[in-house]
Amino acid sequence: MELAEGGKSSKILVLMAIVGAFVLMIHFTFTGLFSFREFVSPSMRTMADRYTFPVFHQDWSLFAPNVAKYNSELEYRFAYHGKWSNWSDVSNGQGYETVSRMERIEQGFNHQLAWQATNNLYSDNGITKYDRIMRSPAYKNALYYAVRMHERHQSNLAYDSMQVRISFRFTPENGSANDVDITHLEFPAYLPETKH
């Protein structure tokens, strides 16, 4: 009697092992199809999505629940005898790394200017008005930073006027990583008082 029960329990264990191996095989098959989705047919992709998205897909909200809506960079250009240079990032254009102290300072100016643009940019008779922003300390600090960086790192390149802008790179919606929207907010040119 004990031998019969031992044989029955071993059959159950073997059956459970076979079913478990089958379930794992299906799981890894669908996970593999989902991971290499660009190489499979649309019908296989749909089946893999139906299996993976509800439970196993990671949208990384665990690590970044509040993804930034945009990334901003402070850019500038200068004119000499009426000819404008190309736009250049104020910090990166001078050789500073993205994680440097100078880049963090620039990002502080960007946040201040973005706040000013949100709250003080307006239109009058269809003409965009920058006067409130340009009177703010945020604009003056950003312009001063661009002027000083230029004079420190490119003192051999004289300028008659300078212009700054914020370049906004908006974070794409989930599933549209290739649709990056870049917008620029250009401020009027600055003419140094000594060069009028």
N, C-alpha and C. Protein backbone atom coordinates (compact mmCIF):
# COMPACT_ATOMS: atom_id res chain seq x y z
N MET A 1 0.82 -1.18 0.00
CA MET A 1 0.00 0.00 0.00
C MET A 1 0.87 1.26 0.00
N GLU A 2 1.96 1.30 0.82
CA GLU A 2 2.84 2.45 0.86
C GLU A 2 3.55 2.63 -0.47
N LEU A 3 3.92 1.53 -1.11
CA LEU A 3 4.60 1.59 -2.40
C LEU A 3 3.70 2.21 -3.46
N ALA A 4 2.41 1.86 -3.42
CA ALA A 4 1.46 2.40 -4.40
C ALA A 4 1.29 3.90 -4.20
N GLU A 5 1.22 4.34 -2.94
CA GLU A 5 1.09 5.78 -2.68
C GLU A 5 2.35 6.53 -3.08
N GLY A 6 3.54 5.93 -2.85
CA GLY A 6 4.79 6.55 -3.25
C GLY A 6 4.89 6.67 -4.75
N GLY A 7 4.43 5.68 -5.49
CA GLY A 7 4.42 5.74 -6.94
C GLY A 7 3.46 6.79 -7.46
N LYS A 8 2.30 6.94 -6.77
CA LYS A 8 1.31 7.94 -7.17
C LYS A 8 1.85 9.36 -6.93
N SER A 9 2.52 9.59 -5.79
CA SER A 9 3.06 10.92 -5.50
C SER A 9 4.22 11.27 -6.43
N SER A 10 5.02 10.27 -6.81
CA SER A 10 6.12 10.56 -7.74
C SER A 10 5.57 10.88 -9.13
N LYS A 11 4.45 10.26 -9.51
CA LYS A 11 3.83 10.59 -10.80
C LYS A 11 3.29 12.02 -10.79
N ILE A 12 2.73 12.41 -9.63
CA ILE A 12 2.22 13.78 -9.50
C ILE A 12 3.38 14.77 -9.58
N LEU A 13 4.50 14.46 -8.94
CA LEU A 13 5.66 15.35 -9.00
C LEU A 13 6.21 15.46 -10.41
N VAL A 14 6.26 14.33 -11.12
CA VAL A 14 6.74 14.36 -12.51
C VAL A 14 5.79 15.19 -13.37
N LEU A 15 4.47 15.00 -13.17
CA LEU A 15 3.49 15.76 -13.94
C LEU A 15 3.61 17.26 -13.64
N MET A 16 3.80 17.60 -12.35
CA MET A 16 3.97 19.01 -11.99
C MET A 16 5.25 19.58 -12.59
N ALA A 17 6.31 18.80 -12.64
CA ALA A 17 7.56 19.26 -13.26
C ALA A 17 7.37 19.50 -14.75
N ILE A 18 6.66 18.63 -15.42
CA ILE A 18 6.41 18.79 -16.86
C ILE A 18 5.56 20.03 -17.11
N VAL A 19 4.50 20.20 -16.32
CA VAL A 19 3.64 21.39 -16.49
C VAL A 19 4.43 22.66 -16.18
N GLY A 20 5.24 22.64 -15.12
CA GLY A 20 6.06 23.80 -14.77
C GLY A 20 7.05 24.15 -15.87
N ALA A 21 7.69 23.12 -16.44
CA ALA A 21 8.63 23.36 -17.54
C ALA A 21 7.91 23.94 -18.75
N PHE A 22 6.70 23.46 -19.03
CA PHE A 22 5.91 23.97 -20.15
C PHE A 22 5.53 25.44 -19.93
N VAL A 23 5.11 25.76 -18.70
CA VAL A 23 4.74 27.15 -18.37
C VAL A 23 5.96 28.06 -18.50
N LEU A 24 7.11 27.63 -17.98
CA LEU A 24 8.33 28.43 -18.11
C LEU A 24 8.74 28.61 -19.57
N MET A 25 8.59 27.56 -20.37
CA MET A 25 8.93 27.65 -21.80
C MET A 25 8.04 28.69 -22.49
N ILE A 26 6.74 28.66 -22.18
CA ILE A 26 5.83 29.65 -22.79
C ILE A 26 6.19 31.06 -22.30
N HIS A 27 6.46 31.19 -21.01
CA HIS A 27 6.83 32.51 -20.46
C HIS A 27 8.06 33.07 -21.15
N PHE A 28 9.12 32.29 -21.24
CA PHE A 28 10.35 32.79 -21.85
C PHE A 28 10.20 33.00 -23.35
N THR A 29 9.34 32.23 -24.00
CA THR A 29 9.09 32.44 -25.43
C THR A 29 8.43 33.80 -25.65
N PHE A 30 7.36 34.09 -24.88
CA PHE A 30 6.68 35.38 -25.04
C PHE A 30 7.56 36.55 -24.61
N THR A 31 8.34 36.36 -23.54
CA THR A 31 9.25 37.41 -23.10
C THR A 31 10.32 37.68 -24.16
N GLY A 32 10.83 36.62 -24.78
CA GLY A 32 11.82 36.77 -25.85
C GLY A 32 11.23 37.48 -27.06
N LEU A 33 9.98 37.10 -27.44
CA LEU A 33 9.32 37.77 -28.56
C LEU A 33 9.10 39.25 -28.25
N PHE A 34 8.74 39.56 -27.01
CA PHE A 34 8.53 40.95 -26.62
C PHE A 34 9.85 41.73 -26.65
N SER A 35 10.92 41.10 -26.19
CA SER A 35 12.22 41.79 -26.14
C SER A 35 12.80 42.05 -27.52
N PHE A 36 12.52 41.17 -28.47
CA PHE A 36 13.05 41.33 -29.83
C PHE A 36 11.91 41.59 -30.80
N ARG A 37 11.02 42.47 -30.41
CA ARG A 37 9.78 42.72 -31.14
C ARG A 37 9.99 43.26 -32.55
N GLU A 38 11.10 43.94 -32.78
CA GLU A 38 11.31 44.49 -34.13
C GLU A 38 11.65 43.41 -35.15
N PHE A 39 11.95 42.20 -34.69
CA PHE A 39 12.32 41.12 -35.60
C PHE A 39 11.21 40.10 -35.83
N VAL A 40 10.04 40.29 -35.22
CA VAL A 40 8.95 39.32 -35.35
C VAL A 40 7.78 39.93 -36.11
N SER A 41 6.90 39.07 -36.55
CA SER A 41 5.74 39.52 -37.32
C SER A 41 4.77 40.28 -36.42
N PRO A 42 3.91 41.12 -37.01
CA PRO A 42 2.94 41.88 -36.20
C PRO A 42 2.00 40.99 -35.38
N SER A 43 1.60 39.84 -35.93
CA SER A 43 0.70 38.97 -35.17
C SER A 43 1.40 38.38 -33.95
N MET A 44 2.67 37.98 -34.10
CA MET A 44 3.44 37.46 -32.96
C MET A 44 3.68 38.58 -31.94
N ARG A 45 3.93 39.79 -32.43
CA ARG A 45 4.14 40.95 -31.55
C ARG A 45 2.89 41.21 -30.71
N THR A 46 1.71 41.12 -31.35
CA THR A 46 0.45 41.35 -30.64
C THR A 46 0.26 40.32 -29.54
N MET A 47 0.54 39.04 -29.83
CA MET A 47 0.41 37.99 -28.82
C MET A 47 1.38 38.24 -27.66
N ALA A 48 2.62 38.60 -27.98
CA ALA A 48 3.61 38.86 -26.94
C ALA A 48 3.21 40.06 -26.09
N ASP A 49 2.67 41.11 -26.74
CA ASP A 49 2.22 42.29 -26.00
C ASP A 49 1.09 41.95 -25.04
N ARG A 50 0.14 41.15 -25.51
CA ARG A 50 -0.99 40.77 -24.65
C ARG A 50 -0.54 39.99 -23.43
N TYR A 51 0.49 39.22 -23.57
CA TYR A 51 1.01 38.47 -22.43
C TYR A 51 1.88 39.34 -21.52
N THR A 52 2.75 40.17 -22.11
CA THR A 52 3.77 40.85 -21.33
C THR A 52 3.29 42.14 -20.68
N PHE A 53 2.55 42.97 -21.39
CA PHE A 53 2.21 44.30 -20.87
C PHE A 53 1.46 44.29 -19.54
N PRO A 54 0.43 43.47 -19.36
CA PRO A 54 -0.33 43.60 -18.10
C PRO A 54 0.49 43.36 -16.83
N VAL A 55 1.45 42.45 -16.87
CA VAL A 55 2.13 42.08 -15.62
C VAL A 55 3.63 42.36 -15.65
N PHE A 56 4.29 42.08 -16.76
CA PHE A 56 5.75 42.07 -16.76
C PHE A 56 6.41 43.31 -17.35
N HIS A 57 5.67 44.12 -18.09
CA HIS A 57 6.28 45.30 -18.72
C HIS A 57 6.67 46.32 -17.66
N GLN A 58 7.89 46.87 -17.78
CA GLN A 58 8.35 47.92 -16.88
C GLN A 58 8.39 49.23 -17.62
N ASP A 59 7.62 50.19 -17.13
CA ASP A 59 7.66 51.52 -17.74
C ASP A 59 8.60 52.44 -16.97
N TRP A 60 9.35 51.88 -16.05
CA TRP A 60 10.36 52.58 -15.26
C TRP A 60 9.77 53.63 -14.34
N SER A 61 8.46 53.60 -14.10
CA SER A 61 7.87 54.56 -13.18
C SER A 61 8.30 54.29 -11.75
N LEU A 62 8.78 53.06 -11.49
CA LEU A 62 9.29 52.76 -10.16
C LEU A 62 10.52 53.60 -9.87
N PHE A 63 11.36 53.84 -10.88
CA PHE A 63 12.61 54.56 -10.69
C PHE A 63 12.46 56.05 -10.97
N ALA A 64 11.53 56.41 -11.82
CA ALA A 64 11.33 57.83 -12.16
C ALA A 64 9.84 58.09 -12.29
N PRO A 65 9.13 58.16 -11.15
CA PRO A 65 7.68 58.30 -11.25
C PRO A 65 7.24 59.64 -11.84
N ASN A 66 8.04 60.68 -11.67
CA ASN A 66 7.70 61.99 -12.21
C ASN A 66 8.76 62.38 -13.24
N VAL A 67 8.61 61.86 -14.44
CA VAL A 67 9.57 62.15 -15.49
C VAL A 67 9.46 63.63 -15.88
N ALA A 68 10.60 64.28 -16.04
CA ALA A 68 10.59 65.69 -16.40
C ALA A 68 9.90 65.89 -17.74
N LYS A 69 9.15 66.98 -17.87
CA LYS A 69 8.43 67.25 -19.10
C LYS A 69 9.35 67.75 -20.21
N TYR A 70 10.46 68.34 -19.81
CA TYR A 70 11.41 68.84 -20.81
C TYR A 70 12.79 68.96 -20.19
N ASN A 71 13.76 69.05 -21.08
CA ASN A 71 15.14 69.34 -20.69
C ASN A 71 15.48 70.66 -21.36
N SER A 72 16.16 71.54 -20.67
CA SER A 72 16.46 72.84 -21.27
C SER A 72 17.96 73.10 -21.26
N GLU A 73 18.39 73.82 -22.26
CA GLU A 73 19.79 74.24 -22.37
C GLU A 73 19.82 75.73 -22.69
N LEU A 74 20.78 76.41 -22.11
CA LEU A 74 20.99 77.83 -22.39
C LEU A 74 22.00 77.92 -23.53
N GLU A 75 21.60 78.55 -24.61
CA GLU A 75 22.47 78.69 -25.78
C GLU A 75 22.68 80.17 -26.07
N TYR A 76 23.78 80.45 -26.76
CA TYR A 76 24.04 81.84 -27.13
C TYR A 76 24.72 81.89 -28.49
N ARG A 77 24.67 83.07 -29.08
CA ARG A 77 25.44 83.36 -30.29
C ARG A 77 25.87 84.81 -30.21
N PHE A 78 26.90 85.16 -30.98
CA PHE A 78 27.38 86.53 -30.96
C PHE A 78 27.58 87.02 -32.39
N ALA A 79 27.51 88.31 -32.53
CA ALA A 79 27.69 88.92 -33.85
C ALA A 79 28.91 89.81 -33.83
N TYR A 80 29.65 89.76 -34.93
CA TYR A 80 30.80 90.64 -35.11
C TYR A 80 30.72 91.21 -36.51
N HIS A 81 30.65 92.53 -36.63
CA HIS A 81 30.47 93.24 -37.90
C HIS A 81 29.25 92.71 -38.66
N GLY A 82 28.16 92.48 -37.90
CA GLY A 82 26.90 92.08 -38.51
C GLY A 82 26.78 90.62 -38.88
N LYS A 83 27.79 89.81 -38.62
CA LYS A 83 27.73 88.39 -38.97
C LYS A 83 27.58 87.58 -37.69
N TRP A 84 26.49 86.79 -37.63
CA TRP A 84 26.20 85.99 -36.44
C TRP A 84 26.95 84.67 -36.48
N SER A 85 27.39 84.25 -35.31
CA SER A 85 27.99 82.92 -35.16
C SER A 85 26.87 81.88 -35.09
N ASN A 86 27.22 80.62 -35.05
CA ASN A 86 26.24 79.57 -34.83
C ASN A 86 25.83 79.56 -33.36
N TRP A 87 24.66 79.00 -33.08
CA TRP A 87 24.22 78.84 -31.70
C TRP A 87 25.10 77.80 -31.03
N SER A 88 25.44 78.04 -29.76
CA SER A 88 26.29 77.13 -29.01
C SER A 88 25.79 77.05 -27.57
N ASP A 89 25.85 75.86 -26.99
CA ASP A 89 25.50 75.70 -25.58
C ASP A 89 26.52 76.48 -24.75
N VAL A 90 26.05 77.24 -23.77
CA VAL A 90 26.93 78.11 -23.01
C VAL A 90 28.00 77.32 -22.26
N SER A 91 27.64 76.22 -21.62
CA SER A 91 28.61 75.43 -20.85
C SER A 91 29.28 74.36 -21.70
N ASN A 92 28.46 73.49 -22.32
CA ASN A 92 29.03 72.40 -23.13
C ASN A 92 29.85 72.93 -24.29
N GLY A 93 29.44 74.06 -24.85
CA GLY A 93 30.18 74.65 -25.96
C GLY A 93 31.56 75.13 -25.58
N GLN A 94 31.78 75.32 -24.28
CA GLN A 94 33.10 75.75 -23.80
C GLN A 94 33.90 74.58 -23.24
N GLY A 95 33.40 73.36 -23.42
CA GLY A 95 34.14 72.18 -23.00
C GLY A 95 33.77 71.61 -21.65
N TYR A 96 32.75 72.15 -21.00
CA TYR A 96 32.34 71.62 -19.70
C TYR A 96 31.44 70.40 -19.91
N GLU A 97 31.65 69.41 -19.05
CA GLU A 97 30.87 68.17 -19.13
C GLU A 97 29.43 68.41 -18.67
N THR A 98 28.55 67.51 -19.05
CA THR A 98 27.14 67.61 -18.68
C THR A 98 26.94 67.51 -17.17
N VAL A 99 27.84 66.84 -16.47
CA VAL A 99 27.71 66.68 -15.02
C VAL A 99 28.61 67.63 -14.24
N SER A 100 29.12 68.66 -14.88
CA SER A 100 30.04 69.59 -14.21
C SER A 100 29.29 70.62 -13.37
N ARG A 101 30.03 71.29 -12.52
CA ARG A 101 29.46 72.36 -11.69
C ARG A 101 28.93 73.50 -12.55
N MET A 102 29.62 73.81 -13.63
CA MET A 102 29.19 74.91 -14.51
C MET A 102 27.86 74.57 -15.18
N GLU A 103 27.66 73.31 -15.53
CA GLU A 103 26.39 72.91 -16.13
C GLU A 103 25.27 73.01 -15.10
N ARG A 104 25.54 72.68 -13.85
CA ARG A 104 24.52 72.82 -12.81
C ARG A 104 24.15 74.29 -12.61
N ILE A 105 25.14 75.17 -12.68
CA ILE A 105 24.86 76.61 -12.58
C ILE A 105 23.97 77.04 -13.75
N GLU A 106 24.33 76.58 -14.95
CA GLU A 106 23.51 76.91 -16.13
C GLU A 106 22.09 76.40 -15.97
N GLN A 107 21.90 75.20 -15.44
CA GLN A 107 20.56 74.65 -15.27
C GLN A 107 19.74 75.50 -14.29
N GLY A 108 20.40 76.07 -13.29
CA GLY A 108 19.70 76.96 -12.39
C GLY A 108 19.15 78.18 -13.12
N PHE A 109 19.96 78.77 -14.00
CA PHE A 109 19.48 79.90 -14.81
C PHE A 109 18.35 79.47 -15.73
N ASN A 110 18.46 78.26 -16.30
CA ASN A 110 17.41 77.76 -17.19
C ASN A 110 16.07 77.65 -16.47
N HIS A 111 16.09 77.12 -15.25
CA HIS A 111 14.84 76.97 -14.49
C HIS A 111 14.23 78.33 -14.19
N GLN A 112 15.08 79.30 -13.84
CA GLN A 112 14.57 80.64 -13.56
C GLN A 112 13.96 81.27 -14.81
N LEU A 113 14.66 81.12 -15.94
CA LEU A 113 14.14 81.68 -17.20
C LEU A 113 12.87 80.97 -17.65
N ALA A 114 12.80 79.66 -17.45
CA ALA A 114 11.59 78.92 -17.82
C ALA A 114 10.41 79.40 -16.98
N TRP A 115 10.65 79.65 -15.70
CA TRP A 115 9.58 80.19 -14.85
C TRP A 115 9.14 81.56 -15.36
N GLN A 116 10.11 82.41 -15.70
CA GLN A 116 9.79 83.73 -16.22
C GLN A 116 8.97 83.63 -17.51
N ALA A 117 9.38 82.71 -18.40
CA ALA A 117 8.67 82.56 -19.67
C ALA A 117 7.24 82.09 -19.43
N THR A 118 7.05 81.21 -18.47
CA THR A 118 5.71 80.71 -18.17
C THR A 118 4.83 81.80 -17.60
N ASN A 119 5.40 82.67 -16.79
CA ASN A 119 4.59 83.65 -16.07
C ASN A 119 4.62 85.07 -16.64
N ASN A 120 5.62 85.40 -17.45
CA ASN A 120 5.76 86.80 -17.90
C ASN A 120 5.87 86.99 -19.40
N LEU A 121 5.79 85.95 -20.17
CA LEU A 121 5.80 86.10 -21.64
C LEU A 121 4.37 86.35 -22.09
N TYR A 122 4.17 87.40 -22.84
CA TYR A 122 2.82 87.72 -23.28
C TYR A 122 2.88 88.29 -24.70
N SER A 123 1.69 88.48 -25.25
CA SER A 123 1.57 88.99 -26.62
C SER A 123 0.67 90.22 -26.60
N ASP A 124 1.06 91.22 -27.39
CA ASP A 124 0.26 92.43 -27.51
C ASP A 124 0.07 92.72 -28.99
N ASN A 125 -1.18 92.67 -29.44
CA ASN A 125 -1.51 92.84 -30.86
C ASN A 125 -0.73 91.87 -31.76
N GLY A 126 -0.59 90.62 -31.30
CA GLY A 126 0.09 89.60 -32.08
C GLY A 126 1.61 89.66 -32.03
N ILE A 127 2.16 90.56 -31.22
CA ILE A 127 3.62 90.69 -31.11
C ILE A 127 4.05 90.16 -29.74
N THR A 128 4.98 89.22 -29.74
CA THR A 128 5.48 88.65 -28.50
C THR A 128 6.30 89.69 -27.76
N LYS A 129 6.01 89.85 -26.49
CA LYS A 129 6.68 90.85 -25.67
C LYS A 129 7.59 90.17 -24.64
N TYR A 130 8.84 90.60 -24.62
CA TYR A 130 9.84 90.04 -23.72
C TYR A 130 10.22 91.00 -22.60
N ASP A 131 9.63 92.18 -22.55
CA ASP A 131 10.10 93.21 -21.63
C ASP A 131 10.06 92.79 -20.17
N ARG A 132 9.03 92.09 -19.74
CA ARG A 132 8.95 91.68 -18.33
C ARG A 132 10.06 90.67 -18.01
N ILE A 133 10.32 89.76 -18.93
CA ILE A 133 11.37 88.77 -18.70
C ILE A 133 12.73 89.44 -18.69
N MET A 134 12.96 90.37 -19.63
CA MET A 134 14.28 90.99 -19.75
C MET A 134 14.59 91.93 -18.58
N ARG A 135 13.57 92.36 -17.84
CA ARG A 135 13.80 93.16 -16.64
C ARG A 135 14.07 92.29 -15.41
N SER A 136 13.87 90.99 -15.56
CA SER A 136 13.99 90.09 -14.40
C SER A 136 15.45 89.75 -14.11
N PRO A 137 15.76 89.45 -12.86
CA PRO A 137 17.11 88.99 -12.52
C PRO A 137 17.47 87.69 -13.24
N ALA A 138 16.48 86.86 -13.53
CA ALA A 138 16.76 85.58 -14.21
C ALA A 138 17.40 85.81 -15.57
N TYR A 139 16.84 86.74 -16.36
CA TYR A 139 17.40 87.03 -17.67
C TYR A 139 18.78 87.68 -17.54
N LYS A 140 18.89 88.63 -16.64
CA LYS A 140 20.17 89.33 -16.47
C LYS A 140 21.27 88.36 -16.02
N ASN A 141 20.94 87.44 -15.13
CA ASN A 141 21.93 86.45 -14.69
C ASN A 141 22.34 85.52 -15.83
N ALA A 142 21.37 85.06 -16.62
CA ALA A 142 21.68 84.17 -17.73
C ALA A 142 22.53 84.87 -18.78
N LEU A 143 22.20 86.11 -19.09
CA LEU A 143 22.97 86.87 -20.06
C LEU A 143 24.38 87.13 -19.54
N TYR A 144 24.50 87.51 -18.27
CA TYR A 144 25.81 87.75 -17.67
C TYR A 144 26.65 86.47 -17.71
N TYR A 145 26.03 85.34 -17.43
CA TYR A 145 26.74 84.06 -17.45
C TYR A 145 27.26 83.77 -18.86
N ALA A 146 26.43 84.00 -19.88
CA ALA A 146 26.86 83.76 -21.27
C ALA A 146 28.00 84.71 -21.66
N VAL A 147 27.89 85.97 -21.29
CA VAL A 147 28.94 86.95 -21.61
C VAL A 147 30.25 86.56 -20.95
N ARG A 148 30.21 86.23 -19.66
CA ARG A 148 31.43 85.88 -18.93
C ARG A 148 32.06 84.59 -19.46
N MET A 149 31.24 83.60 -19.80
CA MET A 149 31.78 82.35 -20.35
C MET A 149 32.45 82.62 -21.69
N HIS A 150 31.84 83.46 -22.52
CA HIS A 150 32.43 83.80 -23.81
C HIS A 150 33.75 84.54 -23.61
N GLU A 151 33.73 85.55 -22.75
CA GLU A 151 34.95 86.34 -22.53
C GLU A 151 36.06 85.51 -21.90
N ARG A 152 35.70 84.55 -21.07
CA ARG A 152 36.72 83.73 -20.42
C ARG A 152 37.33 82.70 -21.37
N HIS A 153 36.50 82.10 -22.21
CA HIS A 153 36.98 80.99 -23.03
C HIS A 153 37.23 81.35 -24.49
N GLN A 154 36.67 82.49 -24.94
CA GLN A 154 36.87 82.88 -26.33
C GLN A 154 37.18 84.37 -26.41
N SER A 155 38.11 84.79 -25.60
CA SER A 155 38.43 86.21 -25.54
C SER A 155 38.99 86.73 -26.86
N ASN A 156 39.48 85.84 -27.70
CA ASN A 156 40.02 86.27 -29.00
C ASN A 156 38.90 86.55 -30.01
N LEU A 157 37.66 86.16 -29.70
CA LEU A 157 36.54 86.40 -30.60
C LEU A 157 35.71 87.56 -30.08
N ALA A 158 35.96 88.73 -30.61
CA ALA A 158 35.23 89.92 -30.18
C ALA A 158 33.78 89.84 -30.65
N TYR A 159 32.92 90.61 -30.01
CA TYR A 159 31.51 90.62 -30.41
C TYR A 159 30.95 92.03 -30.32
N ASP A 160 30.05 92.33 -31.24
CA ASP A 160 29.33 93.59 -31.20
C ASP A 160 28.03 93.45 -30.41
N SER A 161 27.42 92.28 -30.51
CA SER A 161 26.19 92.00 -29.79
C SER A 161 26.12 90.51 -29.51
N MET A 162 25.22 90.17 -28.59
CA MET A 162 25.08 88.78 -28.18
C MET A 162 23.59 88.49 -28.00
N GLN A 163 23.23 87.24 -28.22
CA GLN A 163 21.84 86.84 -28.06
C GLN A 163 21.79 85.50 -27.34
N VAL A 164 20.86 85.37 -26.41
CA VAL A 164 20.69 84.10 -25.71
C VAL A 164 19.31 83.53 -26.03
N ARG A 165 19.22 82.23 -25.87
CA ARG A 165 17.93 81.55 -26.02
C ARG A 165 17.93 80.31 -25.12
N ILE A 166 16.72 79.87 -24.81
CA ILE A 166 16.57 78.59 -24.11
C ILE A 166 16.09 77.59 -25.15
N SER A 167 16.74 76.46 -25.19
CA SER A 167 16.35 75.37 -26.06
C SER A 167 15.64 74.32 -25.21
N PHE A 168 14.36 74.09 -25.48
CA PHE A 168 13.56 73.12 -24.74
C PHE A 168 13.46 71.84 -25.57
N ARG A 169 13.87 70.72 -24.97
CA ARG A 169 13.70 69.41 -25.60
C ARG A 169 12.67 68.67 -24.77
N PHE A 170 11.46 68.51 -25.33
CA PHE A 170 10.36 67.94 -24.58
C PHE A 170 10.44 66.42 -24.55
N THR A 171 10.14 65.84 -23.39
CA THR A 171 10.16 64.39 -23.21
C THR A 171 9.01 63.80 -24.00
N PRO A 172 9.29 62.83 -24.88
CA PRO A 172 8.21 62.23 -25.66
C PRO A 172 7.29 61.39 -24.78
N GLU A 173 6.06 61.23 -25.24
CA GLU A 173 5.10 60.37 -24.55
C GLU A 173 5.58 58.93 -24.63
N ASN A 174 5.07 58.08 -23.74
CA ASN A 174 5.42 56.66 -23.77
C ASN A 174 5.10 56.08 -25.14
N GLY A 175 6.05 55.33 -25.68
CA GLY A 175 5.85 54.68 -26.97
C GLY A 175 6.20 55.53 -28.17
N SER A 176 6.60 56.78 -27.97
CA SER A 176 6.95 57.63 -29.12
C SER A 176 8.33 58.24 -28.90
N ALA A 177 9.30 57.38 -28.64
CA ALA A 177 10.66 57.85 -28.31
C ALA A 177 11.32 58.59 -29.46
N ASN A 178 10.88 58.37 -30.67
CA ASN A 178 11.51 59.03 -31.81
C ASN A 178 10.91 60.39 -32.13
N ASP A 179 9.80 60.73 -31.47
CA ASP A 179 9.12 61.99 -31.75
C ASP A 179 9.55 63.05 -30.74
N VAL A 180 10.78 63.54 -30.89
CA VAL A 180 11.31 64.54 -29.96
C VAL A 180 10.96 65.92 -30.50
N ASP A 181 10.38 66.74 -29.64
CA ASP A 181 9.99 68.09 -30.02
C ASP A 181 10.96 69.07 -29.38
N ILE A 182 11.64 69.87 -30.20
CA ILE A 182 12.59 70.86 -29.71
C ILE A 182 12.06 72.25 -30.06
N THR A 183 11.98 73.10 -29.06
CA THR A 183 11.48 74.46 -29.25
C THR A 183 12.50 75.43 -28.66
N HIS A 184 12.63 76.58 -29.30
CA HIS A 184 13.58 77.59 -28.84
C HIS A 184 12.83 78.86 -28.46
N LEU A 185 13.25 79.46 -27.36
CA LEU A 185 12.74 80.77 -26.96
C LEU A 185 13.90 81.74 -27.05
N GLU A 186 13.92 82.52 -28.14
CA GLU A 186 15.03 83.45 -28.40
C GLU A 186 14.69 84.83 -27.85
N PHE A 187 15.62 85.37 -27.09
CA PHE A 187 15.46 86.72 -26.56
C PHE A 187 16.10 87.72 -27.52
N PRO A 188 15.67 88.96 -27.50
CA PRO A 188 16.29 89.97 -28.38
C PRO A 188 17.78 90.11 -28.12
N ALA A 189 18.47 90.58 -29.12
CA ALA A 189 19.93 90.72 -29.04
C ALA A 189 20.31 91.75 -27.99
N TYR A 190 21.42 91.49 -27.33
CA TYR A 190 21.98 92.37 -26.31
C TYR A 190 23.13 93.15 -26.95
N LEU A 191 23.08 94.48 -26.82
CA LEU A 191 24.16 95.34 -27.31
C LEU A 191 24.86 95.95 -26.10
N PRO A 192 26.10 95.59 -25.86
CA PRO A 192 26.82 96.16 -24.71
C PRO A 192 26.86 97.68 -24.77
N GLU A 193 26.69 98.33 -23.64
CA GLU A 193 26.64 99.80 -23.59
C GLU A 193 27.93 100.43 -24.11
N THR A 194 29.05 99.79 -23.87
CA THR A 194 30.33 100.37 -24.31
C THR A 194 30.50 100.26 -25.82
N LYS A 195 29.65 99.46 -26.50
CA LYS A 195 29.85 99.24 -27.92
C LYS A 195 28.77 99.88 -28.77
N HIS A 196 27.96 100.78 -28.20
CA HIS A 196 26.92 101.47 -28.98
C HIS A 196 27.55 102.44 -29.95
